[in-house]
C-alpha atoms as a PDB file:
ATOM      1  CA  MET A   1    -106.476  76.462  99.831  1.00  0.00           C
ATOM      2  CA  LYS A   2    -109.310  73.939  99.952  1.00  0.00           C
ATOM      3  CA  ALA A   3    -112.164  74.548 102.382  1.00  0.00           C
ATOM      4  CA  ASP A   4    -112.451  71.921 105.107  1.00  0.00           C
ATOM      5  CA  LYS A   5    -115.758  70.008 105.127  1.00  0.00           C
ATOM      6  CA  ASP A   6    -116.125  70.247 108.935  1.00  0.00           C
ATOM      7  CA  ASN A   7    -115.705  74.006 108.703  1.00  0.00           C
ATOM      8  CA  ILE A   8    -118.389  74.214 105.989  1.00  0.00           C
ATOM      9  CA  ALA A   9    -120.797  72.069 108.044  1.00  0.00           C
ATOM     10  CA  THR A  10    -120.164  74.279 111.071  1.00  0.00           C
ATOM     11  CA  PHE A  11    -120.823  77.418 109.006  1.00  0.00           C
ATOM     12  CA  VAL A  12    -124.149  75.939 107.835  1.00  0.00           C
ATOM     13  CA  GLU A  13    -125.274  75.338 111.424  1.00  0.00           C
ATOM     14  CA  VAL A  14    -124.239  78.855 112.481  1.00  0.00           C
ATOM     15  CA  ILE A  15    -126.311  80.448 109.706  1.00  0.00           C
ATOM     16  CA  ARG A  16    -129.233  78.080 110.237  1.00  0.00           C
ATOM     17  CA  ARG A  17    -129.383  78.949 113.943  1.00  0.00           C
ATOM     18  CA  ASN A  18    -128.195  82.601 113.789  1.00  0.00           C
ATOM     19  CA  SER A  19    -125.977  81.882 116.776  1.00  0.00           C
ATOM     20  CA  LEU A  20    -122.543  80.495 117.563  1.00  0.00           C
ATOM     21  CA  ALA A  21    -123.792  79.157 120.905  1.00  0.00           C
ATOM     22  CA  ALA A  22    -126.808  77.388 119.365  1.00  0.00           C
ATOM     23  CA  ALA A  23    -124.620  75.845 116.673  1.00  0.00           C
ATOM     24  CA  ALA A  24    -122.155  74.685 119.327  1.00  0.00           C
ATOM     25  CA  ARG A  25    -124.964  73.008 121.316  1.00  0.00           C
ATOM     26  CA  HIS A  26    -126.255  71.262 118.211  1.00  0.00           C
ATOM     27  CA  LEU A  27    -122.786  70.053 117.211  1.00  0.00           C
ATOM     28  CA  SER A  28    -121.844  69.160 120.813  1.00  0.00           C
ATOM     29  CA  VAL A  29    -118.613  71.148 120.660  1.00  0.00           C
ATOM     30  CA  PRO A  30    -117.383  74.215 122.606  1.00  0.00           C
ATOM     31  CA  LYS A  31    -118.385  77.628 121.301  1.00  0.00           C
ATOM     32  CA  SER A  32    -114.702  78.413 120.849  1.00  0.00           C
ATOM     33  CA  THR A  33    -114.411  75.501 118.411  1.00  0.00           C
ATOM     34  CA  VAL A  34    -117.286  76.858 116.331  1.00  0.00           C
ATOM     35  CA  SER A  35    -115.713  80.312 116.286  1.00  0.00           C
ATOM     36  CA  ARG A  36    -112.345  78.879 115.281  1.00  0.00           C
ATOM     37  CA  ARG A  37    -113.826  76.777 112.474  1.00  0.00           C
ATOM     38  CA  LEU A  38    -115.747  79.763 111.152  1.00  0.00           C
ATOM     39  CA  ALA A  39    -112.659  81.971 111.147  1.00  0.00           C
ATOM     40  CA  ARG A  40    -110.666  79.209 109.486  1.00  0.00           C
ATOM     41  CA  LEU A  41    -113.275  78.837 106.714  1.00  0.00           C
ATOM     42  CA  GLU A  42    -113.208  82.574 106.030  1.00  0.00           C
ATOM     43  CA  GLU A  43    -109.425  82.353 105.820  1.00  0.00           C
ATOM     44  CA  GLN A  44    -109.588  79.357 103.464  1.00  0.00           C
ATOM     45  CA  LEU A  45    -112.092  81.127 101.183  1.00  0.00           C
ATOM     46  CA  ASP A  46    -110.451  84.547 101.635  1.00  0.00           C
ATOM     47  CA  THR A  47    -113.975  85.934 102.112  1.00  0.00           C
ATOM     48  CA  LYS A  48    -115.876  87.420 105.048  1.00  0.00           C
ATOM     49  CA  LEU A  49    -118.919  85.189 105.486  1.00  0.00           C
ATOM     50  CA  VAL A  50    -120.670  86.564 108.597  1.00  0.00           C
ATOM     51  CA  HIS A  51    -121.263  89.652 110.639  1.00  0.00           C
ATOM     52  CA  ARG A  52    -121.138  89.066 114.401  1.00  0.00           C
ATOM     53  CA  ASP A  53    -122.563  91.143 117.230  1.00  0.00           C
ATOM     54  CA  ALA A  54    -123.359  90.465 120.869  1.00  0.00           C
ATOM     55  CA  ARG A  55    -126.756  88.889 120.123  1.00  0.00           C
ATOM     56  CA  ARG A  56    -126.646  87.099 116.779  1.00  0.00           C
ATOM     57  CA  VAL A  57    -124.726  86.149 113.677  1.00  0.00           C
ATOM     58  CA  THR A  58    -125.913  87.195 110.212  1.00  0.00           C
ATOM     59  CA  PRO A  59    -124.452  86.259 106.837  1.00  0.00           C
ATOM     60  CA  THR A  60    -122.790  88.738 104.531  1.00  0.00           C
ATOM     61  CA  PRO A  61    -124.056  88.753 100.924  1.00  0.00           C
ATOM     62  CA  GLU A  62    -121.199  86.421 100.050  1.00  0.00           C
ATOM     63  CA  GLY A  63    -122.047  84.259 103.053  1.00  0.00           C
ATOM     64  CA  SER A  64    -125.686  84.000 101.990  1.00  0.00           C
ATOM     65  CA  ARG A  65    -124.734  82.872  98.492  1.00  0.00           C
ATOM     66  CA  PHE A  66    -122.261  80.340  99.870  1.00  0.00           C
ATOM     67  CA  TYR A  67    -124.844  79.004 102.340  1.00  0.00           C
ATOM     68  CA  GLU A  68    -127.440  78.496  99.596  1.00  0.00           C
ATOM     69  CA  SER A  69    -124.902  76.641  97.471  1.00  0.00           C
ATOM     70  CA  VAL A  70    -123.792  74.177 100.178  1.00  0.00           C
ATOM     71  CA  VAL A  71    -126.690  73.652 102.588  1.00  0.00           C
ATOM     72  CA  ASP A  72    -128.465  70.963 100.552  1.00  0.00           C
ATOM     73  CA  ALA A  73    -125.240  69.028 100.036  1.00  0.00           C
ATOM     74  CA  ILE A  74    -124.465  69.123 103.766  1.00  0.00           C
ATOM     75  CA  ASP A  75    -127.974  67.934 104.624  1.00  0.00           C
ATOM     76  CA  VAL A  76    -127.799  65.071 102.114  1.00  0.00           C
ATOM     77  CA  LEU A  77    -124.426  63.969 103.476  1.00  0.00           C
ATOM     78  CA  ASP A  78    -125.531  64.110 107.105  1.00  0.00           C
ATOM     79  CA  THR A  79    -128.773  62.274 106.371  1.00  0.00           C
ATOM     80  CA  ALA A  80    -126.924  59.522 104.526  1.00  0.00           C
ATOM     81  CA  VAL A  81    -124.522  59.039 107.437  1.00  0.00           C
ATOM     82  CA  ALA A  82    -127.364  59.028 109.982  1.00  0.00           C
ATOM     83  CA  THR A  83    -129.325  56.501 107.925  1.00  0.00           C
ATOM     84  CA  ILE A  84    -126.389  54.081 107.806  1.00  0.00           C
ATOM     85  CA  GLU A  85    -125.723  54.478 111.525  1.00  0.00           C
ATOM     86  CA  GLU A  86    -129.350  53.933 112.498  1.00  0.00           C
ATOM     87  CA  SER A  87    -130.045  51.077 110.067  1.00  0.00           C
ATOM     88  CA  THR A  88    -128.082  48.673 112.273  1.00  0.00           C
ATOM     89  CA  THR A  89    -130.050  49.449 115.445  1.00  0.00           C
ATOM     90  CA  GLN A  90    -133.617  49.894 116.609  1.00  0.00           C
ATOM     91  CA  PRO A  91    -134.794  53.550 116.442  1.00  0.00           C
ATOM     92  CA  ARG A  92    -134.046  55.126 119.797  1.00  0.00           C
ATOM     93  CA  GLY A  93    -133.595  58.477 121.487  1.00  0.00           C
ATOM     94  CA  THR A  94    -135.836  61.391 122.440  1.00  0.00           C
ATOM     95  CA  ILE A  95    -138.050  63.482 120.176  1.00  0.00           C
ATOM     96  CA  ARG A  96    -138.944  66.957 121.422  1.00  0.00           C
ATOM     97  CA  ILE A  97    -142.307  67.935 119.950  1.00  0.00           C
ATOM     98  CA  THR A  98    -144.594  70.916 120.540  1.00  0.00           C
ATOM     99  CA  ALA A  99    -148.246  71.634 119.695  1.00  0.00           C
ATOM    100  CA  PRO A 100    -151.057  73.992 120.758  1.00  0.00           C
ATOM    101  CA  SER A 101    -152.696  72.729 123.936  1.00  0.00           C
ATOM    102  CA  ASP A 102    -156.128  71.786 122.596  1.00  0.00           C
ATOM    103  CA  LEU A 103    -154.843  70.380 119.311  1.00  0.00           C
ATOM    104  CA  GLY A 104    -152.307  68.285 121.193  1.00  0.00           C
ATOM    105  CA  ARG A 105    -154.888  67.004 123.652  1.00  0.00           C
ATOM    106  CA  MET A 106    -157.534  66.137 121.106  1.00  0.00           C
ATOM    107  CA  ILE A 107    -155.646  64.648 118.169  1.00  0.00           C
ATOM    108  CA  LEU A 108    -151.968  64.290 118.988  1.00  0.00           C
ATOM    109  CA  LEU A 109    -151.914  62.407 122.293  1.00  0.00           C
ATOM    110  CA  PRO A 110    -153.801  59.305 121.075  1.00  0.00           C
ATOM    111  CA  GLU A 111    -151.490  59.000 118.060  1.00  0.00           C
ATOM    112  CA  LEU A 112    -148.359  59.507 120.148  1.00  0.00           C
ATOM    113  CA  ALA A 113    -149.462  56.691 122.433  1.00  0.00           C
ATOM    114  CA  ARG A 114    -149.750  54.389 119.412  1.00  0.00           C
ATOM    115  CA  PHE A 115    -146.340  55.519 118.179  1.00  0.00           C
ATOM    116  CA  LEU A 116    -144.721  54.739 121.525  1.00  0.00           C
ATOM    117  CA  GLU A 117    -146.224  51.246 121.482  1.00  0.00           C
ATOM    118  CA  ARG A 118    -144.707  50.633 118.064  1.00  0.00           C
ATOM    119  CA  TYR A 119    -141.237  52.010 118.958  1.00  0.00           C
ATOM    120  CA  PRO A 120    -140.432  51.125 122.589  1.00  0.00           C
ATOM    121  CA  ASP A 121    -136.914  52.617 122.500  1.00  0.00           C
ATOM    122  CA  ILE A 122    -138.093  56.101 121.497  1.00  0.00           C
ATOM    123  CA  SER A 123    -139.000  58.688 124.164  1.00  0.00           C
ATOM    124  CA  LEU A 124    -141.019  61.882 123.784  1.00  0.00           C
ATOM    125  CA  ASP A 125    -140.549  65.316 125.324  1.00  0.00           C
ATOM    126  CA  LEU A 126    -143.941  66.922 124.688  1.00  0.00           C
ATOM    127  CA  VAL A 127    -144.499  70.671 125.041  1.00  0.00           C
ATOM    128  CA  LEU A 128    -148.189  71.639 124.830  1.00  0.00           C
ATOM    129  CA  THR A 129    -148.450  75.422 124.776  1.00  0.00           C
ATOM    130  CA  ASN A 130    -150.299  78.168 122.915  1.00  0.00           C
ATOM    131  CA  ARG A 131    -147.265  80.469 122.893  1.00  0.00           C
ATOM    132  CA  PHE A 132    -144.996  80.729 119.847  1.00  0.00           C
ATOM    133  CA  VAL A 133    -142.091  78.277 120.116  1.00  0.00           C
ATOM    134  CA  ASP A 134    -138.785  79.012 118.360  1.00  0.00           C
ATOM    135  CA  LEU A 135    -137.811  75.557 117.126  1.00  0.00           C
ATOM    136  CA  VAL A 136    -134.115  76.348 116.782  1.00  0.00           C
ATOM    137  CA  GLN A 137    -133.567  78.279 119.989  1.00  0.00           C
ATOM    138  CA  GLU A 138    -135.603  75.842 122.088  1.00  0.00           C
ATOM    139  CA  ARG A 139    -134.127  72.770 120.399  1.00  0.00           C
ATOM    140  CA  VAL A 140    -137.481  71.374 119.285  1.00  0.00           C
ATOM    141  CA  ASP A 141    -137.438  68.609 116.672  1.00  0.00           C
ATOM    142  CA  LEU A 142    -141.010  68.890 115.462  1.00  0.00           C
ATOM    143  CA  ALA A 143    -143.980  71.245 115.832  1.00  0.00           C
ATOM    144  CA  VAL A 144    -147.656  70.839 115.013  1.00  0.00           C
ATOM    145  CA  ARG A 145    -149.091  74.165 113.863  1.00  0.00           C
ATOM    146  CA  ALA A 146    -152.458  75.238 112.518  1.00  0.00           C
ATOM    147  CA  GLY A 147    -152.473  77.831 109.777  1.00  0.00           C
ATOM    148  CA  ARG A 148    -149.881  79.229 107.412  1.00  0.00           C
ATOM    149  CA  VAL A 149    -146.201  78.710 108.115  1.00  0.00           C
ATOM    150  CA  THR A 150    -144.480  81.965 107.178  1.00  0.00           C
ATOM    151  CA  GLU A 151    -140.970  81.523 108.595  1.00  0.00           C
ATOM    152  CA  PRO A 152    -138.695  81.086 105.542  1.00  0.00           C
ATOM    153  CA  ASN A 153    -136.206  78.867 107.380  1.00  0.00           C
ATOM    154  CA  LEU A 154    -138.807  76.243 108.365  1.00  0.00           C
ATOM    155  CA  ILE A 155    -140.057  73.218 106.443  1.00  0.00           C
ATOM    156  CA  ALA A 156    -143.781  72.453 106.580  1.00  0.00           C
ATOM    157  CA  ARG A 157    -145.582  69.237 105.678  1.00  0.00           C
ATOM    158  CA  LYS A 158    -149.376  69.168 105.473  1.00  0.00           C
ATOM    159  CA  LEU A 159    -150.873  66.994 108.179  1.00  0.00           C
ATOM    160  CA  MET A 160    -154.651  67.416 108.056  1.00  0.00           C
ATOM    161  CA  PRO A 161    -157.380  69.877 107.006  1.00  0.00           C
ATOM    162  CA  SER A 162    -158.764  72.468 109.395  1.00  0.00           C
ATOM    163  CA  ASP A 163    -161.836  73.992 107.765  1.00  0.00           C
ATOM    164  CA  PHE A 164    -164.450  75.868 109.805  1.00  0.00           C
ATOM    165  CA  GLN A 165    -168.115  74.844 110.066  1.00  0.00           C
ATOM    166  CA  LEU A 166    -171.205  75.893 111.985  1.00  0.00           C
ATOM    167  CA  ALA A 167    -172.315  74.120 115.161  1.00  0.00           C
ATOM    168  CA  ALA A 168    -175.058  74.488 117.739  1.00  0.00           C
ATOM    169  CA  HIS A 169    -176.356  72.788 120.877  1.00  0.00           C
ATOM    170  CA  PRO A 170    -178.333  69.623 119.956  1.00  0.00           C
ATOM    171  CA  GLY A 171    -181.456  71.029 121.631  1.00  0.00           C
ATOM    172  CA  ASN A 172    -181.233  74.357 119.779  1.00  0.00           C
ATOM    173  CA  GLU A 173    -183.781  74.058 116.991  1.00  0.00           C
ATOM    174  CA  ILE A 174    -182.620  76.076 113.990  1.00  0.00           C
ATOM    175  CA  ASP A 175    -185.872  77.074 112.303  1.00  0.00           C
ATOM    176  CA  CYS A 176    -184.667  78.431 108.967  1.00  0.00           C
ATOM    177  CA  ASP A 177    -184.531  76.827 105.528  1.00  0.00           C
ATOM    178  CA  ASP A 178    -181.987  79.294 104.128  1.00  0.00           C
ATOM    179  CA  ILE A 179    -178.576  79.863 105.671  1.00  0.00           C
ATOM    180  CA  THR A 180    -179.132  83.629 105.590  1.00  0.00           C
ATOM    181  CA  GLY A 181    -181.782  83.099 108.247  1.00  0.00           C
ATOM    182  CA  LEU A 182    -178.970  82.490 110.746  1.00  0.00           C
ATOM    183  CA  GLN A 183    -178.408  86.263 110.838  1.00  0.00           C
ATOM    184  CA  ALA A 184    -181.453  86.529 113.113  1.00  0.00           C
ATOM    185  CA  LEU A 185    -180.002  84.085 115.659  1.00  0.00           C
ATOM    186  CA  PRO A 186    -177.400  84.687 118.395  1.00  0.00           C
ATOM    187  CA  PHE A 187    -173.773  83.648 117.804  1.00  0.00           C
ATOM    188  CA  VAL A 188    -170.779  83.112 120.045  1.00  0.00           C
ATOM    189  CA  LEU A 189    -168.197  85.356 118.361  1.00  0.00           C
ATOM    190  CA  TYR A 190    -164.438  84.884 118.102  1.00  0.00           C
ATOM    191  CA  ARG A 191    -161.991  87.740 118.723  1.00  0.00           C
ATOM    192  CA  LYS A 192    -164.303  90.464 117.515  1.00  0.00           C
ATOM    193  CA  ARG A 193    -164.631  93.954 118.977  1.00  0.00           C
ATOM    194  CA  GLY A 194    -168.256  94.864 119.281  1.00  0.00           C
ATOM    195  CA  GLN A 195    -171.304  92.659 118.980  1.00  0.00           C
ATOM    196  CA  THR A 196    -171.371  91.942 115.233  1.00  0.00           C
ATOM    197  CA  GLN A 197    -169.146  89.986 112.886  1.00  0.00           C
ATOM    198  CA  VAL A 198    -169.064  89.237 109.162  1.00  0.00           C
ATOM    199  CA  ILE A 199    -168.468  85.613 108.200  1.00  0.00           C
ATOM    200  CA  ARG A 200    -167.974  84.361 104.665  1.00  0.00           C
ATOM    201  CA  LEU A 201    -168.890  80.771 103.836  1.00  0.00           C
ATOM    202  CA  GLU A 202    -168.810  78.701 100.659  1.00  0.00           C
ATOM    203  CA  ARG A 203    -169.977  75.370  99.297  1.00  0.00           C
ATOM    204  CA  GLY A 204    -169.567  73.318  96.139  1.00  0.00           C
ATOM    205  CA  ARG A 205    -166.880  73.454  93.479  1.00  0.00           C
ATOM    206  CA  GLY A 206    -166.485  74.596  89.910  1.00  0.00           C
ATOM    207  CA  ASN A 207    -169.736  75.738  88.306  1.00  0.00           C
ATOM    208  CA  ASP A 208    -171.647  74.743  91.469  1.00  0.00           C
ATOM    209  CA  HIS A 209    -169.517  76.923  93.747  1.00  0.00           C
ATOM    210  CA  GLU A 210    -171.486  79.347  95.934  1.00  0.00           C
ATOM    211  CA  THR A 211    -170.512  81.908  98.544  1.00  0.00           C
ATOM    212  CA  VAL A 212    -172.532  83.704 101.181  1.00  0.00           C
ATOM    213  CA  GLU A 213    -171.683  86.569 103.512  1.00  0.00           C
ATOM    214  CA  LEU A 214    -173.493  86.741 106.847  1.00  0.00           C
ATOM    215  CA  THR A 215    -173.539  89.570 109.360  1.00  0.00           C
ATOM    216  CA  VAL A 216    -174.097  87.895 112.713  1.00  0.00           C
ATOM    217  CA  ALA A 217    -174.361  89.196 116.261  1.00  0.00           C
ATOM    218  CA  GLY A 218    -173.898  87.858 119.759  1.00  0.00           C
ATOM    219  CA  ARG A 219    -173.532  88.830 123.392  1.00  0.00           C
ATOM    220  CA  VAL A 220    -170.425  86.688 123.982  1.00  0.00           C
ATOM    221  CA  ASN A 221    -166.977  87.138 122.449  1.00  0.00           C
ATOM    222  CA  VAL A 222    -164.156  84.630 123.122  1.00  0.00           C
ATOM    223  CA  ASP A 223    -160.484  84.263 122.217  1.00  0.00           C
ATOM    224  CA  ASP A 224    -160.314  80.479 122.516  1.00  0.00           C
ATOM    225  CA  TYR A 225    -162.154  77.803 120.537  1.00  0.00           C
ATOM    226  CA  GLY A 226    -162.341  75.525 123.552  1.00  0.00           C
ATOM    227  CA  ALA A 227    -164.319  78.259 125.295  1.00  0.00           C
ATOM    228  CA  MET A 228    -166.523  78.634 122.241  1.00  0.00           C
ATOM    229  CA  VAL A 229    -167.324  74.916 122.337  1.00  0.00           C
ATOM    230  CA  GLU A 230    -168.366  75.151 125.989  1.00  0.00           C
ATOM    231  CA  LEU A 231    -170.609  78.161 125.403  1.00  0.00           C
ATOM    232  CA  VAL A 232    -172.235  76.738 122.271  1.00  0.00           C
ATOM    233  CA  ALA A 233    -172.784  73.423 124.069  1.00  0.00           C
ATOM    234  CA  ALA A 234    -174.452  75.410 126.876  1.00  0.00           C
ATOM    235  CA  GLY A 235    -176.927  76.890 124.394  1.00  0.00           C
ATOM    236  CA  GLN A 236    -175.500  80.412 124.261  1.00  0.00           C
ATOM    237  CA  GLY A 237    -175.498  80.654 120.490  1.00  0.00           C
ATOM    238  CA  ILE A 238    -174.187  79.262 117.218  1.00  0.00           C
ATOM    239  CA  GLY A 239    -170.437  78.917 116.727  1.00  0.00           C
ATOM    240  CA  LEU A 240    -168.247  78.985 113.637  1.00  0.00           C
ATOM    241  CA  MET A 241    -165.345  76.776 114.669  1.00  0.00           C
ATOM    242  CA  PRO A 242    -162.775  74.352 113.266  1.00  0.00           C
ATOM    243  CA  GLU A 243    -164.263  71.055 112.173  1.00  0.00           C
ATOM    244  CA  LEU A 244    -161.798  69.357 114.506  1.00  0.00           C
ATOM    245  CA  HIS A 245    -163.599  70.846 117.515  1.00  0.00           C
ATOM    246  CA  ILE A 246    -167.012  69.965 116.150  1.00  0.00           C
ATOM    247  CA  VAL A 247    -166.086  66.299 115.759  1.00  0.00           C
ATOM    248  CA  GLU A 248    -165.197  65.993 119.440  1.00  0.00           C
ATOM    249  CA  GLY A 249    -168.427  67.746 120.420  1.00  0.00           C
ATOM    250  CA  GLU A 250    -170.482  65.494 118.161  1.00  0.00           C
ATOM    251  CA  ASN A 251    -168.832  62.375 119.571  1.00  0.00           C
ATOM    252  CA  ALA A 252    -169.751  63.540 123.074  1.00  0.00           C
ATOM    253  CA  GLY A 253    -173.324  64.427 122.071  1.00  0.00           C
ATOM    254  CA  ARG A 254    -172.733  68.082 122.994  1.00  0.00           C
ATOM    255  CA  LEU A 255    -172.731  69.686 119.537  1.00  0.00           C
ATOM    256  CA  VAL A 256    -174.558  69.216 116.259  1.00  0.00           C
ATOM    257  CA  ARG A 257    -173.386  70.444 112.880  1.00  0.00           C
ATOM    258  CA  ILE A 258    -175.755  72.803 111.045  1.00  0.00           C
ATOM    259  CA  PHE A 259    -175.775  73.600 107.321  1.00  0.00           C
ATOM    260  CA  PRO A 260    -172.959  71.055 106.881  1.00  0.00           C
ATOM    261  CA  ASP A 261    -172.565  71.799 103.163  1.00  0.00           C
ATOM    262  CA  TRP A 262    -171.263  75.250 104.031  1.00  0.00           C
ATOM    263  CA  SER A 263    -167.763  75.870 105.374  1.00  0.00           C
ATOM    264  CA  LEU A 264    -165.050  78.458 105.690  1.00  0.00           C
ATOM    265  CA  PRO A 265    -161.833  77.027 104.199  1.00  0.00           C
ATOM    266  CA  ALA A 266    -158.743  77.621 106.316  1.00  0.00           C
ATOM    267  CA  PRO A 267    -155.058  76.696 106.021  1.00  0.00           C
ATOM    268  CA  PRO A 268    -154.376  73.125 107.126  1.00  0.00           C
ATOM    269  CA  VAL A 269    -152.564  71.815 110.174  1.00  0.00           C
ATOM    270  CA  HIS A 270    -148.865  71.307 109.406  1.00  0.00           C
ATOM    271  CA  LEU A 271    -145.927  69.404 110.808  1.00  0.00           C
ATOM    272  CA  VAL A 272    -143.044  71.871 110.962  1.00  0.00           C
ATOM    273  CA  TYR A 273    -139.315  71.295 111.401  1.00  0.00           C
ATOM    274  CA  SER A 274    -136.185  73.389 110.966  1.00  0.00           C
ATOM    275  CA  THR A 275    -133.954  71.143 108.863  1.00  0.00           C
ATOM    276  CA  ARG A 276    -134.090  68.304 106.373  1.00  0.00           C
ATOM    277  CA  GLN A 277    -131.294  66.704 108.357  1.00  0.00           C
ATOM    278  CA  LEU A 278    -133.626  64.640 110.541  1.00  0.00           C
ATOM    279  CA  PRO A 279    -132.778  61.697 112.763  1.00  0.00           C
ATOM    280  CA  GLU A 280    -134.498  58.477 111.772  1.00  0.00           C
ATOM    281  CA  ARG A 281    -136.745  58.597 114.851  1.00  0.00           C
ATOM    282  CA  VAL A 282    -138.123  62.015 113.807  1.00  0.00           C
ATOM    283  CA  ARG A 283    -138.705  60.897 110.223  1.00  0.00           C
ATOM    284  CA  LEU A 284    -140.563  57.863 111.562  1.00  0.00           C
ATOM    285  CA  LEU A 285    -142.846  60.054 113.672  1.00  0.00           C
ATOM    286  CA  ILE A 286    -143.565  62.425 110.772  1.00  0.00           C
ATOM    287  CA  ASP A 287    -144.502  59.552 108.470  1.00  0.00           C
ATOM    288  CA  PHE A 288    -146.561  57.883 111.214  1.00  0.00           C
ATOM    289  CA  LEU A 289    -148.618  61.006 111.957  1.00  0.00           C
ATOM    290  CA  CYS A 290    -149.183  61.794 108.291  1.00  0.00           C
ATOM    291  CA  ASP A 291    -150.302  58.225 107.569  1.00  0.00           C
ATOM    292  CA  ARG A 292    -152.638  58.128 110.569  1.00  0.00           C
ATOM    293  CA  LEU A 293    -154.236  61.550 110.261  1.00  0.00           C
ATOM    294  CA  ARG A 294    -154.679  61.565 106.500  1.00  0.00           C
ATOM    295  CA  GLU A 295    -156.728  58.346 106.560  1.00  0.00           C
ATOM    296  CA  PRO A 296    -160.495  58.666 105.867  1.00  0.00           C
ATOM    297  CA  GLY A 297    -162.306  59.188 109.137  1.00  0.00           C
ATOM    298  CA  ALA A 298    -159.148  60.237 110.965  1.00  0.00           C
ATOM    299  CA  LEU A 299    -160.849  63.292 112.471  1.00  0.00           C
ATOM    300  CA  ALA A 300    -163.652  61.195 113.886  1.00  0.00           C
ATOM    301  CA  ASP A 301    -161.159  58.702 115.328  1.00  0.00           C
ATOM    302  CA  SER A 302    -158.749  61.194 116.829  1.00  0.00           C
ATOM    303  CA  GLY A 303    -160.632  64.304 117.939  1.00  0.00           C
ATOM    304  CA  THR A 304    -160.115  67.989 117.240  1.00  0.00           C
ATOM    305  CA  GLY A 305    -157.764  71.020 117.060  1.00  0.00           C
ATOM    306  CA  THR A 306    -157.324  74.765 116.304  1.00  0.00           C
ATOM    307  CA  ALA A 307    -157.237  77.146 113.354  1.00  0.00           C
ATOM    308  CA  PRO A 308    -156.412  80.816 112.848  1.00  0.00           C
ATOM    309  CA  ALA A 309    -158.778  83.639 113.607  1.00  0.00           C
ATOM    310  CA  ALA A 310    -157.609  85.395 110.435  1.00  0.00           C
ATOM    311  CA  ALA A 311    -160.100  83.293 108.498  1.00  0.00           C
ATOM    312  CA  LEU A 312    -162.923  85.415 109.923  1.00  0.00           C
ATOM    313  CA  GLY A 313    -163.905  88.609 108.160  1.00  0.00           C
ATOM    314  CA  GLY A 314    -165.023  91.814 109.792  1.00  0.00           C
END
């Protein structure tokens, strides 16, 4: 008996979302229809494809192999159909997008405003939050995330760099010729127990590559880079922070970069989505943001963002 294509597509959504209910919402069909299609596919293949319990659906070993063999074909088919349907009309509909609060405020909002001007029939549902957002369960089309993307079921596209650099208040005269002299000056520390922290910086490439390890101390410890900016701008110490934050502070005349040749490399900011089967409006936004924020000088034009604390040693 041949397997029905609708049943296969339904199976793919169930595995992708680990839930019959979530798959039903995505497909705009009753949950009973999803359950019936899944049972029918197992009957057609004479193979048990999933384990079900009260909370989630997980694939059997046979189900996992079948999913891997069909998911790309289903995505290609759905994308082709969506492209044909949307090619005859102006891009329209709503994009649900999430980002950390400060990153969204400083770099995303100006670009989204430009995007809306270009595509008047597209609407945005913007969720700015520092909590972890489950893209599938919360039906989010696109996320902006700083740092490594470790979830195996998500697709990540590099958006912009997010290296760390040193900054101080413009009136804070740094009287040292060697970067190691900073160890005698107060710092605003990030997520560090105690009053000392080890930071590792580097500069140059290839044969000119150098690294330095500094043990720095400070009276203030913060868990938010926005707070670090405020304290450094108030003269409470030197801060090691994402370059994105420094740019905004420099533009406002509140921060100055020190030892600019030295930095702490960190994973970039990514655009993250849960499927390659993207509506045209979402693909347009991804391409727009990548084009805008990868241009030379994009950080200076747009503002700043966040990066992971894991980059700091201790």
